């Protein structure tokens, strides 16, 4: 279950797709795990 995330700039709003959110969260978790920090 992912939150609904929108990005907004001067051209308008865009809903961030779930696969993009999943990839971003995996990247953060992997980086924090490698660094030995809580994910």
PDB file of N, CA and C in Angstrom:
ATOM      1  N   UNK A   1       0.846  -1.172   0.000  1.00  0.00           N
ATOM      2  CA  UNK A   1       0.000   0.000   0.000  1.00  0.00           C
ATOM      3  C   UNK A   1       0.895   1.241   0.000  1.00  0.00           C
ATOM      4  N   UNK A   2       0.764   2.053  -1.019  1.00  0.00           N
ATOM      5  CA  UNK A   2       1.587   3.241  -1.184  1.00  0.00           C
ATOM      6  C   UNK A   2       0.736   4.492  -1.021  1.00  0.00           C
ATOM      7  N   UNK A   3       1.348   5.545  -0.565  1.00  0.00           N
ATOM      8  CA  UNK A   3       0.613   6.817  -0.525  1.00  0.00           C
ATOM      9  C   UNK A   3       0.423   7.336  -1.954  1.00  0.00           C
ATOM     10  N   UNK A   4      -0.506   8.220  -2.120  1.00  0.00           N
ATOM     11  CA  UNK A   4      -0.678   8.891  -3.408  1.00  0.00           C
ATOM     12  C   UNK A   4       0.210  10.123  -3.380  1.00  0.00           C
ATOM     13  N   UNK A   5       1.112  10.220  -4.354  1.00  0.00           N
ATOM     14  CA  UNK A   5       2.075  11.319  -4.393  1.00  0.00           C
ATOM     15  C   UNK A   5       1.919  12.059  -5.719  1.00  0.00           C
ATOM     16  N   UNK A   6       1.869  13.367  -5.617  1.00  0.00           N
ATOM     17  CA  UNK A   6       1.811  14.215  -6.804  1.00  0.00           C
ATOM     18  C   UNK A   6       3.035  15.113  -6.814  1.00  0.00           C
ATOM     19  N   UNK A   7       3.555  15.373  -8.003  1.00  0.00           N
ATOM     20  CA  UNK A   7       4.573  16.405  -8.159  1.00  0.00           C
ATOM     21  C   UNK A   7       3.904  17.569  -8.883  1.00  0.00           C
ATOM     22  N   UNK A   8       4.277  18.768  -8.504  1.00  0.00           N
ATOM     23  CA  UNK A   8       3.660  19.955  -9.094  1.00  0.00           C
ATOM     24  C   UNK A   8       4.758  20.904  -9.536  1.00  0.00           C
ATOM     25  N   UNK A   9       4.637  21.372 -10.751  1.00  0.00           N
ATOM     26  CA  UNK A   9       5.532  22.418 -11.238  1.00  0.00           C
ATOM     27  C   UNK A   9       4.706  23.396 -12.069  1.00  0.00           C
ATOM     28  N   UNK A  10       5.356  24.277 -12.764  1.00  0.00           N
ATOM     29  CA  UNK A  10       4.600  25.316 -13.477  1.00  0.00           C
ATOM     30  C   UNK A  10       3.780  24.762 -14.642  1.00  0.00           C
ATOM     31  N   UNK A  11       4.066  23.535 -15.082  1.00  0.00           N
ATOM     32  CA  UNK A  11       3.286  22.951 -16.181  1.00  0.00           C
ATOM     33  C   UNK A  11       2.070  22.184 -15.682  1.00  0.00           C
ATOM     34  N   UNK A  12       1.970  21.969 -14.370  1.00  0.00           N
ATOM     35  CA  UNK A  12       0.805  21.281 -13.819  1.00  0.00           C
ATOM     36  C   UNK A  12       1.185  20.229 -12.798  1.00  0.00           C
ATOM     37  N   UNK A  13       0.218  19.381 -12.471  1.00  0.00           N
ATOM     38  CA  UNK A  13       0.417  18.328 -11.471  1.00  0.00           C
ATOM     39  C   UNK A  13       0.491  16.971 -12.164  1.00  0.00           C
ATOM     40  N   UNK A  14       1.250  16.065 -11.573  1.00  0.00           N
ATOM     41  CA  UNK A  14       1.400  14.719 -12.111  1.00  0.00           C
ATOM     42  C   UNK A  14       1.376  13.737 -10.962  1.00  0.00           C
ATOM     43  N   UNK A  15       0.543  12.716 -11.063  1.00  0.00           N
ATOM     44  CA  UNK A  15       0.522  11.662 -10.052  1.00  0.00           C
ATOM     45  C   UNK A  15       1.685  10.717 -10.330  1.00  0.00           C
ATOM     46  N   UNK A  16       2.480  10.447  -9.299  1.00  0.00           N
ATOM     47  CA  UNK A  16       3.627   9.558  -9.441  1.00  0.00           C
ATOM     48  C   UNK A  16       3.104   8.121  -9.435  1.00  0.00           C
ATOM     49  N   UNK A  17       3.416   7.324 -10.472  1.00  0.00           N
ATOM     50  CA  UNK A  17       2.924   5.954 -10.548  1.00  0.00           C
ATOM     51  C   UNK A  17       3.510   5.067  -9.442  1.00  0.00           C
ATOM     52  N   UNK A  18       2.734   4.059  -9.020  1.00  0.00           N
ATOM     53  CA  UNK A  18       3.173   3.159  -7.952  1.00  0.00           C
ATOM     54  C   UNK A  18       4.510   2.487  -8.250  1.00  0.00           C
ATOM     55  N   UNK A  19       4.767   2.011  -9.478  1.00  0.00           N
ATOM     56  CA  UNK A  19       6.081   1.397  -9.743  1.00  0.00           C
ATOM     57  C   UNK A  19       7.246   2.362  -9.502  1.00  0.00           C
ATOM     58  N   UNK A  20       7.038   3.631  -9.794  1.00  0.00           N
ATOM     59  CA  UNK A  20       8.079   4.640  -9.564  1.00  0.00           C
ATOM     60  C   UNK A  20       8.306   4.854  -8.068  1.00  0.00           C
ATOM     61  N   UNK A  21       7.222   4.859  -7.288  1.00  0.00           N
ATOM     62  CA  UNK A  21       7.347   4.983  -5.832  1.00  0.00           C
ATOM     63  C   UNK A  21       8.056   3.764  -5.251  1.00  0.00           C
ATOM     64  N   UNK A  22       7.715   2.583  -5.751  1.00  0.00           N
ATOM     65  CA  UNK A  22       8.338   1.351  -5.263  1.00  0.00           C
ATOM     66  C   UNK A  22       9.839   1.364  -5.543  1.00  0.00           C
ATOM     67  N   UNK A  23      10.221   1.779  -6.733  1.00  0.00           N
ATOM     68  CA  UNK A  23      11.643   1.834  -7.087  1.00  0.00           C
ATOM     69  C   UNK A  23      12.391   2.829  -6.206  1.00  0.00           C
ATOM     70  N   UNK A  24      11.780   3.970  -5.942  1.00  0.00           N
ATOM     71  CA  UNK A  24      12.425   4.977  -5.094  1.00  0.00           C
ATOM     72  C   UNK A  24      12.598   4.460  -3.675  1.00  0.00           C
ATOM     73  N   UNK A  25      11.579   3.794  -3.138  1.00  0.00           N
ATOM     74  CA  UNK A  25      11.689   3.289  -1.767  1.00  0.00           C
ATOM     75  C   UNK A  25      12.725   2.176  -1.679  1.00  0.00           C
ATOM     76  N   UNK A  26      12.774   1.299  -2.688  1.00  0.00           N
ATOM     77  CA  UNK A  26      13.804   0.244  -2.706  1.00  0.00           C
ATOM     78  C   UNK A  26      15.194   0.853  -2.703  1.00  0.00           C
ATOM     79  N   UNK A  27      15.376   1.891  -3.486  1.00  0.00           N
ATOM     80  CA  UNK A  27      16.679   2.548  -3.571  1.00  0.00           C
ATOM     81  C   UNK A  27      17.102   3.120  -2.221  1.00  0.00           C
ATOM     82  N   UNK A  28      16.186   3.773  -1.531  1.00  0.00           N
ATOM     83  CA  UNK A  28      16.488   4.351  -0.218  1.00  0.00           C
ATOM     84  C   UNK A  28      16.796   3.250   0.789  1.00  0.00           C
ATOM     85  N   UNK A  29      15.977   2.205   0.812  1.00  0.00           N
ATOM     86  CA  UNK A  29      16.181   1.105   1.764  1.00  0.00           C
ATOM     87  C   UNK A  29      17.517   0.417   1.514  1.00  0.00           C
ATOM     88  N   UNK A  30      17.844   0.152   0.246  1.00  0.00           N
ATOM     89  CA  UNK A  30      19.121  -0.487  -0.081  1.00  0.00           C
ATOM     90  C   UNK A  30      20.302   0.377   0.350  1.00  0.00           C
ATOM     91  N   UNK A  31      20.233   1.671   0.070  1.00  0.00           N
ATOM     92  CA  UNK A  31      21.336   2.571   0.427  1.00  0.00           C
ATOM     93  C   UNK A  31      21.525   2.632   1.938  1.00  0.00           C
ATOM     94  N   UNK A  32      20.429   2.684   2.690  1.00  0.00           N
ATOM     95  CA  UNK A  32      20.529   2.758   4.151  1.00  0.00           C
ATOM     96  C   UNK A  32      21.011   1.429   4.725  1.00  0.00           C
ATOM     97  N   UNK A  33      20.630   0.321   4.106  1.00  0.00           N
ATOM     98  CA  UNK A  33      21.092  -0.986   4.565  1.00  0.00           C
ATOM     99  C   UNK A  33      22.597  -1.117   4.349  1.00  0.00           C
ATOM    100  N   UNK A  34      23.069  -0.728   3.181  1.00  0.00           N
ATOM    101  CA  UNK A  34      24.502  -0.787   2.873  1.00  0.00           C
ATOM    102  C   UNK A  34      25.293   0.101   3.832  1.00  0.00           C
ATOM    103  N   UNK A  35      24.738   1.256   4.167  1.00  0.00           N
ATOM    104  CA  UNK A  35      25.415   2.196   5.067  1.00  0.00           C
ATOM    105  C   UNK A  35      25.322   1.764   6.528  1.00  0.00           C
ATOM    106  N   UNK A  36      24.527   0.704   6.803  1.00  0.00           N
ATOM    107  CA  UNK A  36      24.382   0.237   8.178  1.00  0.00           C
ATOM    108  C   UNK A  36      23.469   1.114   9.008  1.00  0.00           C
ATOM    109  N   UNK A  37      22.542   1.792   8.362  1.00  0.00           N
ATOM    110  CA  UNK A  37      21.599   2.663   9.062  1.00  0.00           C
ATOM    111  C   UNK A  37      20.216   2.036   8.992  1.00  0.00           C
ATOM    112  N   UNK A  38      19.351   2.449   9.896  1.00  0.00           N
ATOM    113  CA  UNK A  38      17.982   1.939   9.864  1.00  0.00           C
ATOM    114  C   UNK A  38      17.324   2.318   8.554  1.00  0.00           C
ATOM    115  N   UNK A  39      16.565   1.382   8.008  1.00  0.00           N
ATOM    116  CA  UNK A  39      15.883   1.652   6.730  1.00  0.00           C
ATOM    117  C   UNK A  39      14.506   2.194   6.958  1.00  0.00           C
TER     118      UNK A  39
END
